[in-house]
Amino acid sequence: MLIVEDGTGKADANSYNSIADADTYNTNWLANSTWTNAADAEKERMLLQAARYIDTFDYVAIRLKTDQALAWPRSVEYIDGKYYYGKVPVEIKNAQVEVAVKLIDGLELFSDSDGETVKSESDTVGPLSHSREYASTKKDKKQLGVVYEMIKKFLQGNRIVRSIG
């Protein structure tokens, strides 16, 4: 069950968005039919994984409460002239949905493997043959570029902020 963070620093929150919020974002910005046609249980699972991923970044300031479950809200007051104390920025919420939709399309964020797939090719022409082996990452970071762009102003080292702590 999704427990949406409301900016108070809930100890049991596990998502920045409800399914309805994610559906609205998808309708307005992404129009991803896989997401639209997915069952709510699958959407919930993707939102949970996406929140977990979003929380892996090193954000400015400290958590608003020591016992809150998610990385946001933070004790930061202003970033780029906007007030964020006790709030979950819309960019964080949107980034969670972006990740969830990519997950439903098959992106693997958390894998037990080392993140690489070995591929091989070989060509044979008459008595001559040539083989190649190479590794490629399973996680296509290009797919998550939009997520980074959404959240980069909240990351350590990217902005001068005024925080309470």
C-alpha atoms as a PDB file:
ATOM      1  CA  MET A   1       0.000   0.000   0.000  1.00  0.00           C
ATOM      2  CA  LEU A   2       1.317   3.431  -0.927  1.00  0.00           C
ATOM      3  CA  ILE A   3       1.755   5.888   1.921  1.00  0.00           C
ATOM      4  CA  VAL A   4       2.353   9.280   0.338  1.00  0.00           C
ATOM      5  CA  GLU A   5       4.717  11.765   1.965  1.00  0.00           C
ATOM      6  CA  ASP A   6       2.806  14.987   2.621  1.00  0.00           C
ATOM      7  CA  GLY A   7       5.710  17.202   3.690  1.00  0.00           C
ATOM      8  CA  THR A   8       5.498  16.402   7.400  1.00  0.00           C
ATOM      9  CA  GLY A   9       8.280  13.792   7.387  1.00  0.00           C
ATOM     10  CA  LYS A  10       6.153  10.692   7.860  1.00  0.00           C
ATOM     11  CA  ALA A  11       7.894   7.737   9.461  1.00  0.00           C
ATOM     12  CA  ASP A  12       5.923   5.301   7.291  1.00  0.00           C
ATOM     13  CA  ALA A  13       5.819   7.089   3.916  1.00  0.00           C
ATOM     14  CA  ASN A  14       7.008   5.060   0.940  1.00  0.00           C
ATOM     15  CA  SER A  15       6.095   7.257  -2.030  1.00  0.00           C
ATOM     16  CA  TYR A  16       6.069  10.877  -3.114  1.00  0.00           C
ATOM     17  CA  ASN A  17       3.006  10.310  -5.322  1.00  0.00           C
ATOM     18  CA  SER A  18      -0.284   8.473  -5.285  1.00  0.00           C
ATOM     19  CA  ILE A  19      -1.273   6.365  -8.268  1.00  0.00           C
ATOM     20  CA  ALA A  20      -3.768   9.085  -9.218  1.00  0.00           C
ATOM     21  CA  ASP A  21      -1.000  11.727  -9.146  1.00  0.00           C
ATOM     22  CA  ALA A  22       1.235   9.516 -11.291  1.00  0.00           C
ATOM     23  CA  ASP A  23      -1.594   8.865 -13.734  1.00  0.00           C
ATOM     24  CA  THR A  24      -2.187  12.609 -14.084  1.00  0.00           C
ATOM     25  CA  TYR A  25       1.501  13.284 -14.711  1.00  0.00           C
ATOM     26  CA  ASN A  26       1.629  10.489 -17.275  1.00  0.00           C
ATOM     27  CA  THR A  27      -1.457  11.816 -19.050  1.00  0.00           C
ATOM     28  CA  ASN A  28      -0.173  15.402 -19.113  1.00  0.00           C
ATOM     29  CA  TRP A  29       3.493  14.810 -19.922  1.00  0.00           C
ATOM     30  CA  LEU A  30       4.361  11.279 -21.034  1.00  0.00           C
ATOM     31  CA  ALA A  31       1.298   9.599 -22.563  1.00  0.00           C
ATOM     32  CA  ASN A  32       2.888   6.200 -21.966  1.00  0.00           C
ATOM     33  CA  SER A  33       0.327   3.533 -22.904  1.00  0.00           C
ATOM     34  CA  THR A  34       2.097   0.795 -20.929  1.00  0.00           C
ATOM     35  CA  TRP A  35       1.605   2.859 -17.771  1.00  0.00           C
ATOM     36  CA  THR A  36      -1.956   3.789 -18.697  1.00  0.00           C
ATOM     37  CA  ASN A  37      -2.925   0.133 -19.267  1.00  0.00           C
ATOM     38  CA  ALA A  38      -1.100  -1.295 -16.253  1.00  0.00           C
ATOM     39  CA  ALA A  39      -2.971  -2.584 -13.205  1.00  0.00           C
ATOM     40  CA  ASP A  40      -2.811  -0.432 -10.079  1.00  0.00           C
ATOM     41  CA  ALA A  41      -0.795  -3.118  -8.272  1.00  0.00           C
ATOM     42  CA  GLU A  42       1.923  -2.891 -10.952  1.00  0.00           C
ATOM     43  CA  LYS A  43       1.908   0.922 -10.840  1.00  0.00           C
ATOM     44  CA  GLU A  44       2.253   0.794  -7.068  1.00  0.00           C
ATOM     45  CA  ARG A  45       5.216  -1.555  -7.308  1.00  0.00           C
ATOM     46  CA  MET A  46       6.920   0.745  -9.821  1.00  0.00           C
ATOM     47  CA  LEU A  47       6.274   3.839  -7.684  1.00  0.00           C
ATOM     48  CA  LEU A  48       7.792   2.082  -4.654  1.00  0.00           C
ATOM     49  CA  GLN A  49      10.926   1.162  -6.619  1.00  0.00           C
ATOM     50  CA  ALA A  50      11.141   4.658  -8.102  1.00  0.00           C
ATOM     51  CA  ALA A  51      10.939   6.295  -4.661  1.00  0.00           C
ATOM     52  CA  ARG A  52      13.710   3.995  -3.494  1.00  0.00           C
ATOM     53  CA  TYR A  53      15.837   5.090  -6.475  1.00  0.00           C
ATOM     54  CA  ILE A  54      15.097   8.811  -5.989  1.00  0.00           C
ATOM     55  CA  ASP A  55      16.216   8.478  -2.370  1.00  0.00           C
ATOM     56  CA  THR A  56      19.673   7.195  -3.368  1.00  0.00           C
ATOM     57  CA  PHE A  57      20.882  10.686  -4.331  1.00  0.00           C
ATOM     58  CA  ASP A  58      22.928  12.921  -2.026  1.00  0.00           C
ATOM     59  CA  TYR A  59      20.617  15.881  -1.421  1.00  0.00           C
ATOM     60  CA  VAL A  60      21.340  19.240   0.203  1.00  0.00           C
ATOM     61  CA  ALA A  61      20.633  19.824   3.894  1.00  0.00           C
ATOM     62  CA  ILE A  62      19.354  17.144   6.268  1.00  0.00           C
ATOM     63  CA  ARG A  63      16.064  15.329   6.580  1.00  0.00           C
ATOM     64  CA  LEU A  64      13.348  17.345   8.285  1.00  0.00           C
ATOM     65  CA  LYS A  65      12.911  14.626  10.923  1.00  0.00           C
ATOM     66  CA  THR A  66      15.335  11.951  12.016  1.00  0.00           C
ATOM     67  CA  ASP A  67      12.699   9.207  11.827  1.00  0.00           C
ATOM     68  CA  GLN A  68      11.152  10.071   8.458  1.00  0.00           C
ATOM     69  CA  ALA A  69      11.125   7.233   5.956  1.00  0.00           C
ATOM     70  CA  LEU A  70      11.984   9.105   2.747  1.00  0.00           C
ATOM     71  CA  ALA A  71      14.743  11.562   1.844  1.00  0.00           C
ATOM     72  CA  TRP A  72      12.279  14.460   1.508  1.00  0.00           C
ATOM     73  CA  PRO A  73      11.231  16.799   3.068  1.00  0.00           C
ATOM     74  CA  ARG A  74      14.568  18.407   3.943  1.00  0.00           C
ATOM     75  CA  SER A  75      15.576  21.188   6.315  1.00  0.00           C
ATOM     76  CA  VAL A  76      16.475  23.436   3.392  1.00  0.00           C
ATOM     77  CA  GLU A  77      14.803  26.830   3.267  1.00  0.00           C
ATOM     78  CA  TYR A  78      15.614  28.352  -0.111  1.00  0.00           C
ATOM     79  CA  ILE A  79      17.023  27.027  -3.358  1.00  0.00           C
ATOM     80  CA  ASP A  80      17.095  29.416  -6.312  1.00  0.00           C
ATOM     81  CA  GLY A  81      14.775  31.762  -4.475  1.00  0.00           C
ATOM     82  CA  LYS A  82      12.052  29.156  -3.822  1.00  0.00           C
ATOM     83  CA  TYR A  83      11.031  28.104  -0.325  1.00  0.00           C
ATOM     84  CA  TYR A  84      11.210  24.329   0.305  1.00  0.00           C
ATOM     85  CA  TYR A  85      11.268  23.880   4.083  1.00  0.00           C
ATOM     86  CA  GLY A  86       8.827  21.101   5.021  1.00  0.00           C
ATOM     87  CA  LYS A  87       7.860  20.475   1.409  1.00  0.00           C
ATOM     88  CA  VAL A  88       8.486  17.827  -1.195  1.00  0.00           C
ATOM     89  CA  PRO A  89       9.509  19.716  -4.345  1.00  0.00           C
ATOM     90  CA  VAL A  90       7.374  19.089  -7.399  1.00  0.00           C
ATOM     91  CA  GLU A  91      10.583  18.177  -9.253  1.00  0.00           C
ATOM     92  CA  ILE A  92      11.180  15.279  -6.850  1.00  0.00           C
ATOM     93  CA  LYS A  93       7.583  14.107  -7.298  1.00  0.00           C
ATOM     94  CA  ASN A  94       7.824  14.357 -11.085  1.00  0.00           C
ATOM     95  CA  ALA A  95      11.175  12.556 -11.117  1.00  0.00           C
ATOM     96  CA  GLN A  96       9.632   9.647  -9.201  1.00  0.00           C
ATOM     97  CA  VAL A  97       6.922   9.272 -11.850  1.00  0.00           C
ATOM     98  CA  GLU A  98       9.455   9.518 -14.685  1.00  0.00           C
ATOM     99  CA  VAL A  99      11.431   6.655 -13.130  1.00  0.00           C
ATOM    100  CA  ALA A 100       8.295   4.587 -12.414  1.00  0.00           C
ATOM    101  CA  VAL A 101       7.143   4.864 -16.026  1.00  0.00           C
ATOM    102  CA  LYS A 102      10.581   3.827 -17.299  1.00  0.00           C
ATOM    103  CA  LEU A 103      10.510   0.874 -14.896  1.00  0.00           C
ATOM    104  CA  ILE A 104       7.160  -0.270 -16.220  1.00  0.00           C
ATOM    105  CA  ASP A 105       8.730  -0.154 -19.691  1.00  0.00           C
ATOM    106  CA  GLY A 106      11.455  -2.569 -18.530  1.00  0.00           C
ATOM    107  CA  LEU A 107      14.296  -0.429 -17.176  1.00  0.00           C
ATOM    108  CA  GLU A 108      16.265  -2.310 -14.486  1.00  0.00           C
ATOM    109  CA  LEU A 109      17.514  -0.100 -11.681  1.00  0.00           C
ATOM    110  CA  PHE A 110      18.261  -2.638  -8.998  1.00  0.00           C
ATOM    111  CA  SER A 111      19.856  -5.829 -10.221  1.00  0.00           C
ATOM    112  CA  ASP A 112      21.708  -8.630  -8.489  1.00  0.00           C
ATOM    113  CA  SER A 113      24.236  -8.671 -11.315  1.00  0.00           C
ATOM    114  CA  ASP A 114      27.175  -6.332 -11.759  1.00  0.00           C
ATOM    115  CA  GLY A 115      25.138  -4.257 -14.195  1.00  0.00           C
ATOM    116  CA  GLU A 116      26.810  -5.542 -17.334  1.00  0.00           C
ATOM    117  CA  THR A 117      25.741  -7.920 -20.034  1.00  0.00           C
ATOM    118  CA  VAL A 118      28.353  -9.686 -22.136  1.00  0.00           C
ATOM    119  CA  LYS A 119      27.512  -9.770 -25.795  1.00  0.00           C
ATOM    120  CA  SER A 120      29.355 -11.555 -28.529  1.00  0.00           C
ATOM    121  CA  GLU A 121      29.296 -11.529 -32.291  1.00  0.00           C
ATOM    122  CA  SER A 122      31.102 -13.610 -34.839  1.00  0.00           C
ATOM    123  CA  ASP A 123      31.391 -13.462 -38.598  1.00  0.00           C
ATOM    124  CA  THR A 124      32.583 -16.236 -40.863  1.00  0.00           C
ATOM    125  CA  VAL A 125      33.404 -15.887 -44.536  1.00  0.00           C
ATOM    126  CA  GLY A 126      34.807 -19.039 -46.064  1.00  0.00           C
ATOM    127  CA  PRO A 127      37.800 -20.182 -43.973  1.00  0.00           C
ATOM    128  CA  LEU A 128      38.077 -16.825 -42.153  1.00  0.00           C
ATOM    129  CA  SER A 129      36.233 -15.998 -38.943  1.00  0.00           C
ATOM    130  CA  HIS A 130      36.249 -13.067 -36.596  1.00  0.00           C
ATOM    131  CA  SER A 131      34.742 -12.899 -33.088  1.00  0.00           C
ATOM    132  CA  ARG A 132      34.070  -9.950 -30.818  1.00  0.00           C
ATOM    133  CA  GLU A 133      32.951  -9.810 -27.180  1.00  0.00           C
ATOM    134  CA  TYR A 134      31.978  -6.716 -25.287  1.00  0.00           C
ATOM    135  CA  ALA A 135      30.075  -5.653 -22.205  1.00  0.00           C
ATOM    136  CA  SER A 136      27.220  -3.192 -22.087  1.00  0.00           C
ATOM    137  CA  THR A 137      25.459  -1.730 -19.099  1.00  0.00           C
ATOM    138  CA  LYS A 138      21.933  -2.900 -18.408  1.00  0.00           C
ATOM    139  CA  LYS A 139      21.029   0.476 -16.996  1.00  0.00           C
ATOM    140  CA  ASP A 140      20.745   2.924 -19.826  1.00  0.00           C
ATOM    141  CA  LYS A 141      21.643   6.118 -18.023  1.00  0.00           C
ATOM    142  CA  LYS A 142      20.517   8.145 -21.013  1.00  0.00           C
ATOM    143  CA  GLN A 143      16.963   7.097 -20.178  1.00  0.00           C
ATOM    144  CA  LEU A 144      17.332   8.736 -16.770  1.00  0.00           C
ATOM    145  CA  GLY A 145      18.893  11.987 -18.004  1.00  0.00           C
ATOM    146  CA  VAL A 146      15.590  13.813 -17.632  1.00  0.00           C
ATOM    147  CA  VAL A 147      15.392  12.654 -14.014  1.00  0.00           C
ATOM    148  CA  TYR A 148      18.827  14.061 -13.239  1.00  0.00           C
ATOM    149  CA  GLU A 149      17.913  17.365 -14.898  1.00  0.00           C
ATOM    150  CA  MET A 150      14.792  17.570 -12.724  1.00  0.00           C
ATOM    151  CA  ILE A 151      16.589  17.006  -9.422  1.00  0.00           C
ATOM    152  CA  LYS A 152      20.110  18.381  -9.955  1.00  0.00           C
ATOM    153  CA  LYS A 153      19.441  21.694  -8.197  1.00  0.00           C
ATOM    154  CA  PHE A 154      18.689  19.722  -5.008  1.00  0.00           C
ATOM    155  CA  LEU A 155      21.943  17.733  -5.055  1.00  0.00           C
ATOM    156  CA  GLN A 156      24.961  18.435  -2.830  1.00  0.00           C
ATOM    157  CA  GLY A 157      27.442  20.769  -4.483  1.00  0.00           C
ATOM    158  CA  ASN A 158      25.102  22.092  -7.161  1.00  0.00           C
ATOM    159  CA  ARG A 159      23.605  25.137  -5.443  1.00  0.00           C
ATOM    160  CA  ILE A 160      24.171  27.610  -2.647  1.00  0.00           C
ATOM    161  CA  VAL A 161      21.328  27.090  -0.233  1.00  0.00           C
ATOM    162  CA  ARG A 162      20.204  28.391   3.117  1.00  0.00           C
ATOM    163  CA  SER A 163      19.274  25.565   5.423  1.00  0.00           C
ATOM    164  CA  ILE A 164      18.171  25.077   8.986  1.00  0.00           C
ATOM    165  CA  GLY A 165      19.999  22.417  10.876  1.00  0.00           C
END
